[in-house]
Amino acid sequence: MALRPPLEAATAKPMRGIFPILATPYTAAGGVDFEDLAHEVEVFEKWGAHGMAWPQHASGYPGGVNKEERMRGMEVVAKAAKGRKPALLLGVQSTNTEQMLEFARKAEELEPDGLIAMPPMEAKSIDDYRTYYRALGKLTKRPVFIQTSGGTKGIDPPVEFLIDLAKEFPNLGYVKEEVDPVIDRMKALIHAKPVVKAVFSGANGYSLTYEMRFGGDGDMPEAQFTDVYVAAWDLYQSGQKDKARTVFATLLLMLNQMRQFHGVPQYIMKKRGVFKTMVGRGHDGQRTDVELKPDEMAEIDWNFEAMKPYLKA
């Protein structure tokens, strides 16, 4: 009987490009809106996303969904993404190795294109990080993105630690770099290719064009401007760098709005018809309701107008 080929050789989608983090939608009553979550997957494909991930910080993790909602959400997202072009990463991070493996086993059942995991928040040392990621590397053969932020305060995974993991488990050679100095660390990881397979950034891609210049493999931004990120990425990759700069400039206008006003992501997702409400939850699990003032909405709308030539819908 013929051996089944490795997953990466047989079924893998490219781990490169714009992989937005799915935002978590909520109903007017405050529960997770699983209908809108599935719709968001469909929207991302229409907007040209190269991939997507859920749940991560921009999804409200750790408090935005409870365990039951997270398990159901993974099922909903995986079902909605099945047969679609963008790659799907399921977030399996948790506070410790045992809990992470519970989410990872669930994710394995759903057969995403890859996984992503922040470090454990209960770790006491870098050796605890090593135990955590080695356990994940043993569980799955799928590509696993290691997000460098989000773990125990004061314990950041060194670049050499990430390279060593990739040498031991080739499927752990994917990194979402968010630890300062981000650019220097990204360059060091890129220098470690082909042991390291892909180097992404996060933080809403404030350095996107520079990262593409020195060889970054992609970015995982928040959801609401996915098609504009994709436009900038695709133009730059096709050699149209001046046009990419123009698109990126309009994106920076809106990223500045996010620094000025609370609730811009929820406002834009509702404005664009992706979500029904602007209800959210904080990382502490408490409900939040976006209430923008009229002049704040006017400023957001005015800057958003500059994006319209680059929107897919």
C-alpha atoms as a PDB file:
ATOM      1  CA  MET A   1       0.000   0.000   0.000  1.00  0.00           C
ATOM      2  CA  ALA A   2       1.368   3.433  -0.925  1.00  0.00           C
ATOM      3  CA  LEU A   3       2.401   5.640   1.942  1.00  0.00           C
ATOM      4  CA  ARG A   4       0.423   8.818   2.450  1.00  0.00           C
ATOM      5  CA  PRO A   5       2.640  11.783   1.491  1.00  0.00           C
ATOM      6  CA  PRO A   6       3.470  14.367   4.168  1.00  0.00           C
ATOM      7  CA  LEU A   7       0.743  16.977   4.614  1.00  0.00           C
ATOM      8  CA  GLU A   8       2.968  19.865   3.584  1.00  0.00           C
ATOM      9  CA  ALA A   9       3.917  18.205   0.306  1.00  0.00           C
ATOM     10  CA  ALA A  10       0.412  17.000  -0.481  1.00  0.00           C
ATOM     11  CA  THR A  11      -2.030  19.656   0.611  1.00  0.00           C
ATOM     12  CA  ALA A  12      -0.261  22.751   1.894  1.00  0.00           C
ATOM     13  CA  LYS A  13      -1.302  26.195   0.775  1.00  0.00           C
ATOM     14  CA  PRO A  14       1.371  28.903   0.589  1.00  0.00           C
ATOM     15  CA  MET A  15       2.188  30.378   3.985  1.00  0.00           C
ATOM     16  CA  ARG A  16       2.815  33.796   2.542  1.00  0.00           C
ATOM     17  CA  GLY A  17       0.939  37.074   2.195  1.00  0.00           C
ATOM     18  CA  ILE A  18      -1.800  38.778   4.202  1.00  0.00           C
ATOM     19  CA  PHE A  19      -3.318  36.515   6.860  1.00  0.00           C
ATOM     20  CA  PRO A  20      -5.836  38.689   8.776  1.00  0.00           C
ATOM     21  CA  ILE A  21      -7.001  37.722  12.238  1.00  0.00           C
ATOM     22  CA  LEU A  22     -10.708  37.009  12.236  1.00  0.00           C
ATOM     23  CA  ALA A  23     -12.505  39.395  14.562  1.00  0.00           C
ATOM     24  CA  THR A  24     -15.068  37.814  16.867  1.00  0.00           C
ATOM     25  CA  PRO A  25     -18.606  39.125  16.276  1.00  0.00           C
ATOM     26  CA  TYR A  26     -21.214  39.330  19.025  1.00  0.00           C
ATOM     27  CA  THR A  27     -25.001  39.474  19.033  1.00  0.00           C
ATOM     28  CA  ALA A  28     -27.014  42.329  20.499  1.00  0.00           C
ATOM     29  CA  ALA A  29     -27.495  40.126  23.562  1.00  0.00           C
ATOM     30  CA  GLY A  30     -23.735  39.730  23.954  1.00  0.00           C
ATOM     31  CA  GLY A  31     -23.238  36.136  22.791  1.00  0.00           C
ATOM     32  CA  VAL A  32     -20.826  35.093  20.044  1.00  0.00           C
ATOM     33  CA  ASP A  33     -22.508  35.501  16.653  1.00  0.00           C
ATOM     34  CA  PHE A  34     -21.413  32.289  14.940  1.00  0.00           C
ATOM     35  CA  GLU A  35     -23.390  33.185  11.802  1.00  0.00           C
ATOM     36  CA  ASP A  36     -21.359  36.374  11.357  1.00  0.00           C
ATOM     37  CA  LEU A  37     -18.146  34.493  12.166  1.00  0.00           C
ATOM     38  CA  ALA A  38     -18.796  32.098   9.269  1.00  0.00           C
ATOM     39  CA  HIS A  39     -19.761  35.047   7.048  1.00  0.00           C
ATOM     40  CA  GLU A  40     -16.459  36.734   7.878  1.00  0.00           C
ATOM     41  CA  VAL A  41     -14.563  33.760   6.422  1.00  0.00           C
ATOM     42  CA  GLU A  42     -16.505  34.156   3.169  1.00  0.00           C
ATOM     43  CA  VAL A  43     -15.814  37.913   3.156  1.00  0.00           C
ATOM     44  CA  PHE A  44     -12.085  37.379   3.620  1.00  0.00           C
ATOM     45  CA  GLU A  45     -11.982  35.209   0.526  1.00  0.00           C
ATOM     46  CA  LYS A  46     -13.832  37.902  -1.470  1.00  0.00           C
ATOM     47  CA  TRP A  47     -11.384  40.496  -0.150  1.00  0.00           C
ATOM     48  CA  GLY A  48      -8.462  38.470  -1.469  1.00  0.00           C
ATOM     49  CA  ALA A  49      -6.899  37.316   1.813  1.00  0.00           C
ATOM     50  CA  HIS A  50      -4.097  34.823   1.331  1.00  0.00           C
ATOM     51  CA  GLY A  51      -4.916  33.221   4.662  1.00  0.00           C
ATOM     52  CA  MET A  52      -6.656  33.848   7.989  1.00  0.00           C
ATOM     53  CA  ALA A  53      -6.366  32.920  11.654  1.00  0.00           C
ATOM     54  CA  TRP A  54      -8.726  32.552  14.641  1.00  0.00           C
ATOM     55  CA  PRO A  55      -8.678  33.053  17.592  1.00  0.00           C
ATOM     56  CA  GLN A  56      -5.810  35.431  18.380  1.00  0.00           C
ATOM     57  CA  HIS A  57      -5.402  38.723  20.280  1.00  0.00           C
ATOM     58  CA  ALA A  58      -7.387  40.643  17.659  1.00  0.00           C
ATOM     59  CA  SER A  59     -10.173  38.064  18.101  1.00  0.00           C
ATOM     60  CA  GLY A  60     -10.429  38.997  21.766  1.00  0.00           C
ATOM     61  CA  TYR A  61      -8.176  36.248  23.174  1.00  0.00           C
ATOM     62  CA  PRO A  62      -7.857  35.436  26.016  1.00  0.00           C
ATOM     63  CA  GLY A  63     -11.172  36.746  27.375  1.00  0.00           C
ATOM     64  CA  GLY A  64     -13.198  37.335  24.218  1.00  0.00           C
ATOM     65  CA  VAL A  65     -14.469  33.769  24.034  1.00  0.00           C
ATOM     66  CA  ASN A  66     -14.816  31.101  26.698  1.00  0.00           C
ATOM     67  CA  LYS A  67     -13.727  27.494  26.198  1.00  0.00           C
ATOM     68  CA  GLU A  68     -17.091  26.279  24.888  1.00  0.00           C
ATOM     69  CA  GLU A  69     -17.388  29.215  22.469  1.00  0.00           C
ATOM     70  CA  ARG A  70     -13.830  28.708  21.305  1.00  0.00           C
ATOM     71  CA  MET A  71     -14.351  25.020  20.545  1.00  0.00           C
ATOM     72  CA  ARG A  72     -17.572  25.724  18.649  1.00  0.00           C
ATOM     73  CA  GLY A  73     -15.982  28.697  16.905  1.00  0.00           C
ATOM     74  CA  MET A  74     -13.144  26.532  15.598  1.00  0.00           C
ATOM     75  CA  GLU A  75     -15.728  24.138  14.147  1.00  0.00           C
ATOM     76  CA  VAL A  76     -17.649  27.005  12.524  1.00  0.00           C
ATOM     77  CA  VAL A  77     -14.536  28.612  11.045  1.00  0.00           C
ATOM     78  CA  ALA A  78     -13.127  25.310   9.763  1.00  0.00           C
ATOM     79  CA  LYS A  79     -16.421  24.391   8.111  1.00  0.00           C
ATOM     80  CA  ALA A  80     -16.742  27.829   6.517  1.00  0.00           C
ATOM     81  CA  ALA A  81     -13.134  27.744   5.236  1.00  0.00           C
ATOM     82  CA  LYS A  82     -13.339  24.252   3.746  1.00  0.00           C
ATOM     83  CA  GLY A  83     -12.767  24.350  -0.003  1.00  0.00           C
ATOM     84  CA  ARG A  84     -11.861  28.039  -0.014  1.00  0.00           C
ATOM     85  CA  LYS A  85      -8.633  29.461  -1.406  1.00  0.00           C
ATOM     86  CA  PRO A  86      -7.209  31.195   1.703  1.00  0.00           C
ATOM     87  CA  ALA A  87      -5.206  29.102   4.144  1.00  0.00           C
ATOM     88  CA  LEU A  88      -6.717  28.668   7.600  1.00  0.00           C
ATOM     89  CA  LEU A  89      -4.717  28.768  10.827  1.00  0.00           C
ATOM     90  CA  LEU A  90      -6.448  27.769  14.047  1.00  0.00           C
ATOM     91  CA  GLY A  91      -5.123  29.310  17.247  1.00  0.00           C
ATOM     92  CA  VAL A  92      -4.401  26.651  19.875  1.00  0.00           C
ATOM     93  CA  GLN A  93      -2.542  28.686  22.507  1.00  0.00           C
ATOM     94  CA  SER A  94      -3.475  28.436  26.158  1.00  0.00           C
ATOM     95  CA  THR A  95      -2.071  29.162  29.580  1.00  0.00           C
ATOM     96  CA  ASN A  96      -0.164  25.872  29.898  1.00  0.00           C
ATOM     97  CA  THR A  97       0.885  22.831  27.876  1.00  0.00           C
ATOM     98  CA  GLU A  98      -1.977  20.563  28.959  1.00  0.00           C
ATOM     99  CA  GLN A  99      -4.684  23.050  28.023  1.00  0.00           C
ATOM    100  CA  MET A 100      -2.938  23.962  24.752  1.00  0.00           C
ATOM    101  CA  LEU A 101      -2.879  20.296  23.727  1.00  0.00           C
ATOM    102  CA  GLU A 102      -6.634  20.052  24.309  1.00  0.00           C
ATOM    103  CA  PHE A 103      -7.233  22.842  21.797  1.00  0.00           C
ATOM    104  CA  ALA A 104      -4.598  21.427  19.440  1.00  0.00           C
ATOM    105  CA  ARG A 105      -6.241  17.989  19.390  1.00  0.00           C
ATOM    106  CA  LYS A 106      -9.555  19.639  18.565  1.00  0.00           C
ATOM    107  CA  ALA A 107      -7.890  21.631  15.793  1.00  0.00           C
ATOM    108  CA  GLU A 108      -6.300  18.476  14.366  1.00  0.00           C
ATOM    109  CA  GLU A 109      -9.756  16.902  14.056  1.00  0.00           C
ATOM    110  CA  LEU A 110     -10.851  19.896  11.951  1.00  0.00           C
ATOM    111  CA  GLU A 111      -7.878  19.657   9.535  1.00  0.00           C
ATOM    112  CA  PRO A 112      -6.911  23.310   9.066  1.00  0.00           C
ATOM    113  CA  ASP A 113      -3.966  24.264   6.869  1.00  0.00           C
ATOM    114  CA  GLY A 114      -1.899  25.131   9.910  1.00  0.00           C
ATOM    115  CA  LEU A 115      -1.903  26.151  13.562  1.00  0.00           C
ATOM    116  CA  ILE A 116      -0.708  29.194  15.467  1.00  0.00           C
ATOM    117  CA  ALA A 117       0.147  29.436  19.140  1.00  0.00           C
ATOM    118  CA  MET A 118       1.253  32.189  21.496  1.00  0.00           C
ATOM    119  CA  PRO A 119       3.520  31.129  24.358  1.00  0.00           C
ATOM    120  CA  PRO A 120       1.931  29.914  27.621  1.00  0.00           C
ATOM    121  CA  MET A 121       1.092  32.616  30.148  1.00  0.00           C
ATOM    122  CA  GLU A 122       1.778  30.341  33.128  1.00  0.00           C
ATOM    123  CA  ALA A 123       5.378  29.594  32.090  1.00  0.00           C
ATOM    124  CA  LYS A 124       8.119  30.261  34.624  1.00  0.00           C
ATOM    125  CA  SER A 125      11.080  29.969  32.248  1.00  0.00           C
ATOM    126  CA  ILE A 126      12.118  29.595  28.630  1.00  0.00           C
ATOM    127  CA  ASP A 127      12.351  25.850  29.322  1.00  0.00           C
ATOM    128  CA  ASP A 128       8.595  25.852  29.942  1.00  0.00           C
ATOM    129  CA  TYR A 129       8.176  27.453  26.510  1.00  0.00           C
ATOM    130  CA  ARG A 130      10.341  24.709  25.033  1.00  0.00           C
ATOM    131  CA  THR A 131       8.255  21.964  26.651  1.00  0.00           C
ATOM    132  CA  TYR A 132       5.066  23.588  25.374  1.00  0.00           C
ATOM    133  CA  TYR A 133       6.172  23.946  21.751  1.00  0.00           C
ATOM    134  CA  ARG A 134       7.906  20.555  21.637  1.00  0.00           C
ATOM    135  CA  ALA A 135       4.624  18.952  22.746  1.00  0.00           C
ATOM    136  CA  LEU A 136       2.838  20.773  19.926  1.00  0.00           C
ATOM    137  CA  GLY A 137       5.528  19.759  17.431  1.00  0.00           C
ATOM    138  CA  LYS A 138       5.046  16.125  18.408  1.00  0.00           C
ATOM    139  CA  LEU A 139       1.263  16.316  18.111  1.00  0.00           C
ATOM    140  CA  THR A 140       0.965  17.736  14.595  1.00  0.00           C
ATOM    141  CA  LYS A 141       2.788  17.681  11.284  1.00  0.00           C
ATOM    142  CA  ARG A 142       0.962  20.772  10.044  1.00  0.00           C
ATOM    143  CA  PRO A 143       2.766  24.117   9.778  1.00  0.00           C
ATOM    144  CA  VAL A 144       2.771  25.832  13.176  1.00  0.00           C
ATOM    145  CA  PHE A 145       3.282  29.573  13.561  1.00  0.00           C
ATOM    146  CA  ILE A 146       4.960  30.523  16.811  1.00  0.00           C
ATOM    147  CA  GLN A 147       3.740  33.960  17.863  1.00  0.00           C
ATOM    148  CA  THR A 148       6.506  35.472  19.958  1.00  0.00           C
ATOM    149  CA  SER A 149       4.288  37.783  22.025  1.00  0.00           C
ATOM    150  CA  GLY A 150       1.471  36.966  24.435  1.00  0.00           C
ATOM    151  CA  GLY A 151       3.247  34.684  26.888  1.00  0.00           C
ATOM    152  CA  THR A 152       4.547  35.254  30.412  1.00  0.00           C
ATOM    153  CA  LYS A 153       5.499  38.865  31.045  1.00  0.00           C
ATOM    154  CA  GLY A 154       9.265  39.239  30.974  1.00  0.00           C
ATOM    155  CA  ILE A 155       9.941  35.991  29.103  1.00  0.00           C
ATOM    156  CA  ASP A 156      10.459  36.584  25.375  1.00  0.00           C
ATOM    157  CA  PRO A 157      11.576  33.691  23.165  1.00  0.00           C
ATOM    158  CA  PRO A 158      15.106  34.395  21.857  1.00  0.00           C
ATOM    159  CA  VAL A 159      15.698  34.136  18.122  1.00  0.00           C
ATOM    160  CA  GLU A 160      18.123  31.247  18.753  1.00  0.00           C
ATOM    161  CA  PHE A 161      15.361  29.419  20.645  1.00  0.00           C
ATOM    162  CA  LEU A 162      13.038  29.720  17.620  1.00  0.00           C
ATOM    163  CA  ILE A 163      15.739  28.487  15.248  1.00  0.00           C
ATOM    164  CA  ASP A 164      16.530  25.524  17.504  1.00  0.00           C
ATOM    165  CA  LEU A 165      12.857  24.535  17.583  1.00  0.00           C
ATOM    166  CA  ALA A 166      12.702  24.737  13.780  1.00  0.00           C
ATOM    167  CA  LYS A 167      15.750  22.487  13.513  1.00  0.00           C
ATOM    168  CA  GLU A 168      14.144  19.884  15.783  1.00  0.00           C
ATOM    169  CA  PHE A 169      10.634  20.192  14.330  1.00  0.00           C
ATOM    170  CA  PRO A 170      10.653  21.586  10.760  1.00  0.00           C
ATOM    171  CA  ASN A 171       6.913  22.276  10.957  1.00  0.00           C
ATOM    172  CA  LEU A 172       7.623  24.750  13.791  1.00  0.00           C
ATOM    173  CA  GLY A 173       9.696  26.908  11.449  1.00  0.00           C
ATOM    174  CA  TYR A 174       6.985  29.550  11.002  1.00  0.00           C
ATOM    175  CA  VAL A 175       7.143  32.707  13.122  1.00  0.00           C
ATOM    176  CA  LYS A 176       4.847  35.649  13.782  1.00  0.00           C
ATOM    177  CA  GLU A 177       7.337  38.115  15.216  1.00  0.00           C
ATOM    178  CA  GLU A 178       6.045  40.761  17.617  1.00  0.00           C
ATOM    179  CA  VAL A 179       8.846  41.164  20.167  1.00  0.00           C
ATOM    180  CA  ASP A 180      11.022  44.295  20.082  1.00  0.00           C
ATOM    181  CA  PRO A 181      13.282  44.928  18.289  1.00  0.00           C
ATOM    182  CA  VAL A 182      10.861  43.396  15.770  1.00  0.00           C
ATOM    183  CA  ILE A 183      12.717  44.378  12.605  1.00  0.00           C
ATOM    184  CA  ASP A 184      16.105  43.133  13.822  1.00  0.00           C
ATOM    185  CA  ARG A 185      14.579  39.858  14.963  1.00  0.00           C
ATOM    186  CA  MET A 186      12.727  39.392  11.660  1.00  0.00           C
ATOM    187  CA  LYS A 187      15.944  39.941   9.708  1.00  0.00           C
ATOM    188  CA  ALA A 188      17.804  37.410  11.877  1.00  0.00           C
ATOM    189  CA  LEU A 189      15.055  34.838  11.359  1.00  0.00           C
ATOM    190  CA  ILE A 190      15.008  35.433   7.599  1.00  0.00           C
ATOM    191  CA  HIS A 191      18.789  34.949   7.608  1.00  0.00           C
ATOM    192  CA  ALA A 192      18.170  31.518   9.183  1.00  0.00           C
ATOM    193  CA  LYS A 193      16.228  30.219   6.157  1.00  0.00           C
ATOM    194  CA  PRO A 194      15.688  27.504   5.021  1.00  0.00           C
ATOM    195  CA  VAL A 195      15.612  26.181   8.591  1.00  0.00           C
ATOM    196  CA  VAL A 196      13.066  28.919   9.267  1.00  0.00           C
ATOM    197  CA  LYS A 197      10.256  28.576   6.726  1.00  0.00           C
ATOM    198  CA  ALA A 198       8.340  31.874   6.969  1.00  0.00           C
ATOM    199  CA  VAL A 199       8.609  35.102   8.954  1.00  0.00           C
ATOM    200  CA  PHE A 200       5.476  37.210   9.454  1.00  0.00           C
ATOM    201  CA  SER A 201       4.837  40.300  11.529  1.00  0.00           C
ATOM    202  CA  GLY A 202       1.736  41.579  13.291  1.00  0.00           C
ATOM    203  CA  ALA A 203       0.960  44.906  14.979  1.00  0.00           C
ATOM    204  CA  ASN A 204      -1.313  45.840  12.064  1.00  0.00           C
ATOM    205  CA  GLY A 205       1.518  46.037   9.556  1.00  0.00           C
ATOM    206  CA  TYR A 206       2.777  49.535  10.363  1.00  0.00           C
ATOM    207  CA  SER A 207       6.062  48.570   8.642  1.00  0.00           C
ATOM    208  CA  LEU A 208       4.519  46.492   5.848  1.00  0.00           C
ATOM    209  CA  THR A 209       6.335  48.012   2.864  1.00  0.00           C
ATOM    210  CA  TYR A 210       9.678  47.977   4.668  1.00  0.00           C
ATOM    211  CA  GLU A 211       9.171  44.361   5.699  1.00  0.00           C
ATOM    212  CA  MET A 212       8.495  43.420   2.081  1.00  0.00           C
ATOM    213  CA  ARG A 213      11.686  45.249   1.076  1.00  0.00           C
ATOM    214  CA  PHE A 214      13.889  43.080   3.301  1.00  0.00           C
ATOM    215  CA  GLY A 215      12.084  39.824   2.603  1.00  0.00           C
ATOM    216  CA  GLY A 216       9.265  39.438   5.132  1.00  0.00           C
ATOM    217  CA  ASP A 217       6.825  36.704   4.190  1.00  0.00           C
ATOM    218  CA  GLY A 218       3.611  38.343   5.317  1.00  0.00           C
ATOM    219  CA  ASP A 219       1.569  40.082   7.967  1.00  0.00           C
ATOM    220  CA  MET A 220      -1.319  39.153  10.251  1.00  0.00           C
ATOM    221  CA  PRO A 221      -3.307  42.374  10.736  1.00  0.00           C
ATOM    222  CA  GLU A 222      -6.750  43.013  12.181  1.00  0.00           C
ATOM    223  CA  ALA A 223      -9.725  42.175   9.995  1.00  0.00           C
ATOM    224  CA  GLN A 224     -11.417  45.386   8.918  1.00  0.00           C
ATOM    225  CA  PHE A 225      -9.044  46.589   6.168  1.00  0.00           C
ATOM    226  CA  THR A 226      -8.005  43.200   4.785  1.00  0.00           C
ATOM    227  CA  ASP A 227      -8.598  44.051   1.124  1.00  0.00           C
ATOM    228  CA  VAL A 228      -6.466  47.207   1.408  1.00  0.00           C
ATOM    229  CA  TYR A 229      -3.583  45.257   2.951  1.00  0.00           C
ATOM    230  CA  VAL A 230      -3.943  42.734   0.132  1.00  0.00           C
ATOM    231  CA  ALA A 231      -3.892  45.490  -2.490  1.00  0.00           C
ATOM    232  CA  ALA A 232      -0.659  46.934  -1.064  1.00  0.00           C
ATOM    233  CA  TRP A 233       0.925  43.480  -0.812  1.00  0.00           C
ATOM    234  CA  ASP A 234      -0.061  42.325  -4.298  1.00  0.00           C
ATOM    235  CA  LEU A 235       1.036  45.575  -5.948  1.00  0.00           C
ATOM    236  CA  TYR A 236       4.417  45.507  -4.218  1.00  0.00           C
ATOM    237  CA  GLN A 237       4.996  41.848  -5.030  1.00  0.00           C
ATOM    238  CA  SER A 238       4.176  42.476  -8.701  1.00  0.00           C
ATOM    239  CA  GLY A 239       6.775  45.249  -8.897  1.00  0.00           C
ATOM    240  CA  GLN A 240       4.321  48.160  -8.724  1.00  0.00           C
ATOM    241  CA  LYS A 241       5.974  49.625  -5.657  1.00  0.00           C
ATOM    242  CA  ASP A 242       4.925  53.249  -6.163  1.00  0.00           C
ATOM    243  CA  LYS A 243       1.270  52.213  -6.390  1.00  0.00           C
ATOM    244  CA  ALA A 244       1.721  50.029  -3.318  1.00  0.00           C
ATOM    245  CA  ARG A 245       3.051  53.069  -1.441  1.00  0.00           C
ATOM    246  CA  THR A 246      -0.049  55.070  -2.352  1.00  0.00           C
ATOM    247  CA  VAL A 247      -2.340  52.323  -1.091  1.00  0.00           C
ATOM    248  CA  PHE A 248      -0.287  51.916   2.066  1.00  0.00           C
ATOM    249  CA  ALA A 249      -0.528  55.653   2.752  1.00  0.00           C
ATOM    250  CA  THR A 250      -4.343  55.479   2.840  1.00  0.00           C
ATOM    251  CA  LEU A 251      -4.095  52.489   5.168  1.00  0.00           C
ATOM    252  CA  LEU A 252      -1.892  54.458   7.553  1.00  0.00           C
ATOM    253  CA  LEU A 253      -4.590  57.151   7.765  1.00  0.00           C
ATOM    254  CA  MET A 254      -7.012  54.583   9.158  1.00  0.00           C
ATOM    255  CA  LEU A 255      -4.455  52.989  11.456  1.00  0.00           C
ATOM    256  CA  ASN A 256      -3.977  56.467  12.904  1.00  0.00           C
ATOM    257  CA  GLN A 257      -7.737  56.659  13.493  1.00  0.00           C
ATOM    258  CA  MET A 258      -7.485  53.439  15.497  1.00  0.00           C
ATOM    259  CA  ARG A 259      -4.973  55.134  17.787  1.00  0.00           C
ATOM    260  CA  GLN A 260      -7.245  58.150  18.214  1.00  0.00           C
ATOM    261  CA  PHE A 261     -10.663  56.563  18.721  1.00  0.00           C
ATOM    262  CA  HIS A 262     -11.830  53.487  20.601  1.00  0.00           C
ATOM    263  CA  GLY A 263     -14.009  51.078  18.635  1.00  0.00           C
ATOM    264  CA  VAL A 264     -12.873  51.742  15.061  1.00  0.00           C
ATOM    265  CA  PRO A 265     -12.606  48.004  14.166  1.00  0.00           C
ATOM    266  CA  GLN A 266     -16.171  47.273  15.316  1.00  0.00           C
ATOM    267  CA  TYR A 267     -17.481  50.415  13.639  1.00  0.00           C
ATOM    268  CA  ILE A 268     -15.868  49.547  10.298  1.00  0.00           C
ATOM    269  CA  MET A 269     -16.935  45.891  10.373  1.00  0.00           C
ATOM    270  CA  LYS A 270     -20.552  46.985  10.877  1.00  0.00           C
ATOM    271  CA  LYS A 271     -20.237  49.839   8.363  1.00  0.00           C
ATOM    272  CA  ARG A 272     -18.976  47.365   5.745  1.00  0.00           C
ATOM    273  CA  GLY A 273     -21.837  44.947   6.400  1.00  0.00           C
ATOM    274  CA  VAL A 274     -19.689  42.156   7.816  1.00  0.00           C
ATOM    275  CA  PHE A 275     -21.133  42.285  11.360  1.00  0.00           C
ATOM    276  CA  LYS A 276     -24.626  43.155  12.581  1.00  0.00           C
ATOM    277  CA  THR A 277     -23.523  44.923  15.776  1.00  0.00           C
ATOM    278  CA  MET A 278     -20.686  46.870  17.357  1.00  0.00           C
ATOM    279  CA  VAL A 279     -20.848  44.797  20.537  1.00  0.00           C
ATOM    280  CA  GLY A 280     -17.534  43.486  21.782  1.00  0.00           C
ATOM    281  CA  ARG A 281     -15.773  41.917  24.743  1.00  0.00           C
ATOM    282  CA  GLY A 282     -12.599  42.968  26.436  1.00  0.00           C
ATOM    283  CA  HIS A 283      -9.697  40.637  27.189  1.00  0.00           C
ATOM    284  CA  ASP A 284     -11.237  40.356  30.666  1.00  0.00           C
ATOM    285  CA  GLY A 285     -14.373  38.835  29.144  1.00  0.00           C
ATOM    286  CA  GLN A 286     -16.556  41.856  29.945  1.00  0.00           C
ATOM    287  CA  ARG A 287     -18.986  43.187  27.354  1.00  0.00           C
ATOM    288  CA  THR A 288     -18.077  46.440  25.650  1.00  0.00           C
ATOM    289  CA  ASP A 289     -20.375  48.616  23.546  1.00  0.00           C
ATOM    290  CA  VAL A 290     -18.839  51.008  21.033  1.00  0.00           C
ATOM    291  CA  GLU A 291     -20.268  54.508  21.342  1.00  0.00           C
ATOM    292  CA  LEU A 292     -18.519  56.912  19.007  1.00  0.00           C
ATOM    293  CA  LYS A 293     -19.397  60.620  19.027  1.00  0.00           C
ATOM    294  CA  PRO A 294     -20.815  62.149  15.807  1.00  0.00           C
ATOM    295  CA  ASP A 295     -17.648  64.147  15.120  1.00  0.00           C
ATOM    296  CA  GLU A 296     -15.508  61.025  15.676  1.00  0.00           C
ATOM    297  CA  MET A 297     -17.590  59.037  13.180  1.00  0.00           C
ATOM    298  CA  ALA A 298     -17.345  61.914  10.711  1.00  0.00           C
ATOM    299  CA  GLU A 299     -13.545  61.904  10.971  1.00  0.00           C
ATOM    300  CA  ILE A 300     -13.387  58.122  10.547  1.00  0.00           C
ATOM    301  CA  ASP A 301     -15.736  58.218   7.568  1.00  0.00           C
ATOM    302  CA  TRP A 302     -13.760  61.046   5.928  1.00  0.00           C
ATOM    303  CA  ASN A 303     -10.501  59.125   6.107  1.00  0.00           C
ATOM    304  CA  PHE A 304     -12.200  55.888   5.110  1.00  0.00           C
ATOM    305  CA  GLU A 305     -13.283  57.567   1.846  1.00  0.00           C
ATOM    306  CA  ALA A 306      -9.639  57.511   0.697  1.00  0.00           C
ATOM    307  CA  MET A 307      -9.732  53.718   0.839  1.00  0.00           C
ATOM    308  CA  LYS A 308     -12.704  53.252  -1.465  1.00  0.00           C
ATOM    309  CA  PRO A 309     -10.671  52.773  -4.694  1.00  0.00           C
ATOM    310  CA  TYR A 310      -8.984  49.775  -3.066  1.00  0.00           C
ATOM    311  CA  LEU A 311     -11.982  48.088  -1.415  1.00  0.00           C
ATOM    312  CA  LYS A 312     -13.273  44.821  -2.870  1.00  0.00           C
ATOM    313  CA  ALA A 313     -16.773  45.375  -1.506  1.00  0.00           C
END
